[in-house]
Amino acid sequence: MILTDREIRNSLEAGQFDILPRPPIDHYSSTTVDLTLSPVLRIYKTPPQGMKQAVDPGQPGFNATRLINSLTDRQDIDPSNGFDLDRGVLILGWTNETVDLKENCRVAARVEGKSSLARVGLGIHVTAPIIHTGFKAPIQLEIINHGPLPICLRRGMRICQLVFEQTLGMPDRAYKGQFLGQTAS
């Protein structure tokens, strides 16, 4: 069951889950709430010419965060000019907001792109839309430009929307994965 805007706000007020800072009223639609883009991005480095690289997630001890940090550089979005995302380029970003889906809240969420951005070619998450019960952190976004022109990303712009869904019961195991408590860095 998907929560409506009223139920999302009521759940926030009742402390069932949290979004900090709280989104203003104009960030809600009938069944979603918009989140905004943090000023921090991770930009993939261009490998040296002639170097062949491959990611092997099946290796024992594989750690996505450690690998991503070694393959990317941190870049802050320029407050005046924004960041022009070229076509065909994948970067990582975060929401300004921290989402806290408490272990006993009986709610999970899905992060989705915004149709207005998708129609110019901006993809916000590649294949990982689920925000699990027990998750507490800003949401990391896999941002790619599928469009024909560069797209200017600005700090604080509405970048994605959350859909909250009531779960049937509470999980035996709340989210304890490697992205719990992640930060924009």
Protein backbone atom coordinates (compact mmCIF):
# COMPACT_ATOMS: atom_id res chain seq x y z
CA MET A 1 0.00 0.00 0.00
CA ILE A 2 1.45 3.39 -1.06
CA LEU A 3 1.20 6.26 1.42
CA THR A 4 -0.46 9.49 0.30
CA ASP A 5 1.01 12.92 0.94
CA ARG A 6 -1.21 13.27 4.02
CA GLU A 7 -0.10 9.89 5.39
CA ILE A 8 3.57 10.73 4.75
CA ARG A 9 3.26 13.99 6.70
CA ASN A 10 1.23 12.28 9.48
CA SER A 11 3.87 9.53 9.77
CA LEU A 12 6.64 12.14 9.99
CA GLU A 13 4.77 14.04 12.71
CA ALA A 14 4.11 10.80 14.63
CA GLY A 15 7.82 9.91 14.46
CA GLN A 16 7.25 6.63 12.59
CA PHE A 17 10.04 7.57 10.17
CA ASP A 18 11.92 10.78 9.49
CA ILE A 19 13.31 13.00 6.76
CA LEU A 20 15.74 15.70 7.91
CA PRO A 21 15.60 18.47 7.07
CA ARG A 22 11.85 18.18 6.64
CA PRO A 23 10.67 18.87 3.09
CA PRO A 24 8.51 21.97 2.63
CA ILE A 25 4.84 21.45 1.78
CA ASP A 26 5.35 22.25 -1.91
CA HIS A 27 7.69 19.22 -2.22
CA TYR A 28 4.76 16.81 -1.77
CA SER A 29 2.57 15.44 -4.54
CA SER A 30 -0.35 13.06 -4.06
CA THR A 31 1.84 10.01 -3.30
CA THR A 32 5.46 11.21 -3.23
CA VAL A 33 7.81 13.68 -1.63
CA ASP A 34 10.66 15.38 -3.53
CA LEU A 35 14.21 15.35 -2.18
CA THR A 36 17.00 17.72 -3.20
CA LEU A 37 20.55 17.35 -4.48
CA SER A 38 23.49 17.67 -2.10
CA PRO A 39 26.38 19.88 -3.28
CA VAL A 40 28.73 16.85 -3.24
CA LEU A 41 29.29 14.64 -6.30
CA ARG A 42 31.66 11.75 -7.02
CA ILE A 43 33.04 11.93 -10.57
CA TYR A 44 34.61 8.85 -12.18
CA LYS A 45 38.23 9.32 -13.19
CA THR A 46 39.22 8.69 -16.80
CA PRO A 47 41.48 5.63 -16.87
CA PRO A 48 44.90 6.18 -18.46
CA GLN A 49 45.02 5.43 -22.17
CA GLY A 50 45.94 1.83 -22.86
CA MET A 51 44.86 0.60 -19.44
CA LYS A 52 42.24 -2.14 -19.28
CA GLN A 53 40.15 -2.23 -16.10
CA ALA A 54 37.29 -4.44 -15.00
CA VAL A 55 35.16 -4.46 -11.87
CA ASP A 56 34.76 -7.93 -10.32
CA PRO A 57 32.04 -7.82 -7.64
CA GLY A 58 32.38 -11.61 -7.17
CA GLN A 59 35.83 -11.29 -5.59
CA PRO A 60 35.98 -12.19 -1.88
CA GLY A 61 36.04 -9.03 0.19
CA PHE A 62 34.55 -6.86 -2.57
CA ASN A 63 33.49 -3.53 -1.08
CA ALA A 64 31.58 -1.16 -3.37
CA THR A 65 32.22 1.95 -1.28
CA ARG A 66 35.98 1.41 -1.12
CA LEU A 67 36.15 0.70 -4.87
CA ILE A 68 34.02 3.72 -5.79
CA ASN A 69 36.16 6.01 -3.63
CA SER A 70 39.30 4.78 -5.41
CA LEU A 71 37.76 5.26 -8.90
CA THR A 72 36.18 8.67 -8.32
CA ASP A 73 37.07 12.16 -7.18
CA ARG A 74 34.94 14.32 -4.95
CA GLN A 75 33.67 17.50 -6.58
CA ASP A 76 31.46 20.16 -5.05
CA ILE A 77 28.82 21.68 -7.29
CA ASP A 78 29.73 25.29 -8.06
CA PRO A 79 27.15 27.47 -6.27
CA SER A 80 26.89 29.92 -9.21
CA ASN A 81 27.33 27.80 -12.34
CA GLY A 82 26.17 24.35 -11.26
CA PHE A 83 27.68 21.20 -12.74
CA ASP A 84 27.16 20.37 -16.41
CA LEU A 85 26.67 16.62 -16.74
CA ASP A 86 27.76 15.54 -20.21
CA ARG A 87 25.74 13.02 -22.18
CA GLY A 88 26.53 9.39 -21.49
CA VAL A 89 28.33 10.15 -18.21
CA LEU A 90 27.60 8.40 -14.89
CA ILE A 91 28.28 10.21 -11.61
CA LEU A 92 27.22 9.68 -8.01
CA GLY A 93 25.37 12.19 -5.88
CA TRP A 94 23.39 12.29 -2.65
CA THR A 95 20.24 13.81 -1.33
CA ASN A 96 20.52 16.76 1.03
CA GLU A 97 18.03 14.98 3.24
CA THR A 98 18.75 12.11 5.60
CA VAL A 99 16.04 9.45 5.49
CA ASP A 100 15.48 7.39 8.65
CA LEU A 101 13.24 4.35 8.14
CA LYS A 102 13.20 3.15 11.71
CA GLU A 103 13.33 -0.61 12.29
CA ASN A 104 9.82 -0.70 13.73
CA CYS A 105 8.13 1.71 11.29
CA ARG A 106 6.58 -0.93 8.95
CA VAL A 107 7.48 1.22 5.96
CA ALA A 108 9.95 0.90 3.09
CA ALA A 109 10.52 3.48 0.37
CA ARG A 110 11.44 3.63 -3.29
CA VAL A 111 13.56 6.38 -4.78
CA GLU A 112 12.38 7.36 -8.24
CA GLY A 113 13.46 9.95 -10.77
CA LYS A 114 11.31 12.94 -11.61
CA SER A 115 9.47 12.81 -14.93
CA SER A 116 10.44 16.40 -15.77
CA LEU A 117 14.12 15.43 -15.52
CA ALA A 118 13.69 12.05 -17.21
CA ARG A 119 12.16 13.73 -20.25
CA VAL A 120 15.41 15.60 -20.86
CA GLY A 121 17.40 12.37 -20.37
CA LEU A 122 18.39 12.46 -16.69
CA GLY A 123 18.38 9.07 -14.95
CA ILE A 124 18.55 9.27 -11.15
CA HIS A 125 18.98 5.65 -10.09
CA VAL A 126 20.28 2.83 -12.20
CA THR A 127 18.77 -0.29 -10.63
CA ALA A 128 18.65 0.29 -6.89
CA PRO A 129 15.38 2.01 -5.93
CA ILE A 130 14.63 0.28 -2.59
CA ILE A 131 15.24 2.10 0.68
CA HIS A 132 14.96 -0.67 3.26
CA THR A 133 13.42 -0.56 6.71
CA GLY A 134 16.26 0.30 9.10
CA PHE A 135 18.08 2.56 6.60
CA LYS A 136 19.32 5.88 8.01
CA ALA A 137 21.45 8.17 5.81
CA PRO A 138 21.31 10.49 2.84
CA ILE A 139 20.36 8.51 -0.27
CA GLN A 140 23.14 7.94 -2.79
CA LEU A 141 22.00 8.48 -6.37
CA GLU A 142 23.42 6.94 -9.54
CA ILE A 143 22.96 9.86 -11.95
CA ILE A 144 23.41 9.46 -15.71
CA ASN A 145 22.66 11.70 -18.66
CA HIS A 146 20.92 9.72 -21.41
CA GLY A 147 19.91 12.90 -23.25
CA PRO A 148 21.33 14.62 -26.32
CA LEU A 149 22.68 17.68 -24.45
CA PRO A 150 24.57 18.37 -21.21
CA ILE A 151 22.27 18.83 -18.19
CA CYS A 152 23.09 21.42 -15.52
CA LEU A 153 22.82 20.03 -11.99
CA ARG A 154 22.46 22.55 -9.19
CA ARG A 155 22.86 22.14 -5.45
CA GLY A 156 19.46 22.03 -3.78
CA MET A 157 17.51 21.27 -6.97
CA ARG A 158 14.69 18.74 -6.69
CA ILE A 159 16.42 15.62 -7.94
CA CYS A 160 14.27 12.63 -6.98
CA GLN A 161 11.08 11.59 -5.27
CA LEU A 162 10.33 9.01 -2.59
CA VAL A 163 7.38 6.66 -2.65
CA PHE A 164 6.59 5.18 0.78
CA GLU A 165 5.03 1.75 1.01
CA GLN A 166 3.59 0.04 4.05
CA THR A 167 5.16 -3.35 4.66
CA LEU A 168 3.23 -6.41 5.75
CA GLY A 169 4.71 -6.89 9.20
CA MET A 170 8.14 -5.99 10.45
CA PRO A 171 11.32 -7.58 9.08
CA ASP A 172 13.31 -10.06 11.13
CA ARG A 173 16.42 -8.22 9.96
CA ALA A 174 16.43 -4.48 9.39
CA TYR A 175 18.88 -3.01 6.87
CA LYS A 176 22.49 -3.43 8.04
CA GLY A 177 24.22 -3.14 4.65
CA GLN A 178 27.36 -1.26 3.69
CA PHE A 179 25.50 1.98 2.91
CA LEU A 180 23.93 2.38 6.36
CA GLY A 181 25.01 5.76 7.71
CA GLN A 182 26.68 6.79 4.45
CA THR A 183 27.54 10.43 4.01
CA ALA A 184 27.98 12.71 1.03
CA SER A 185 31.75 12.68 0.60
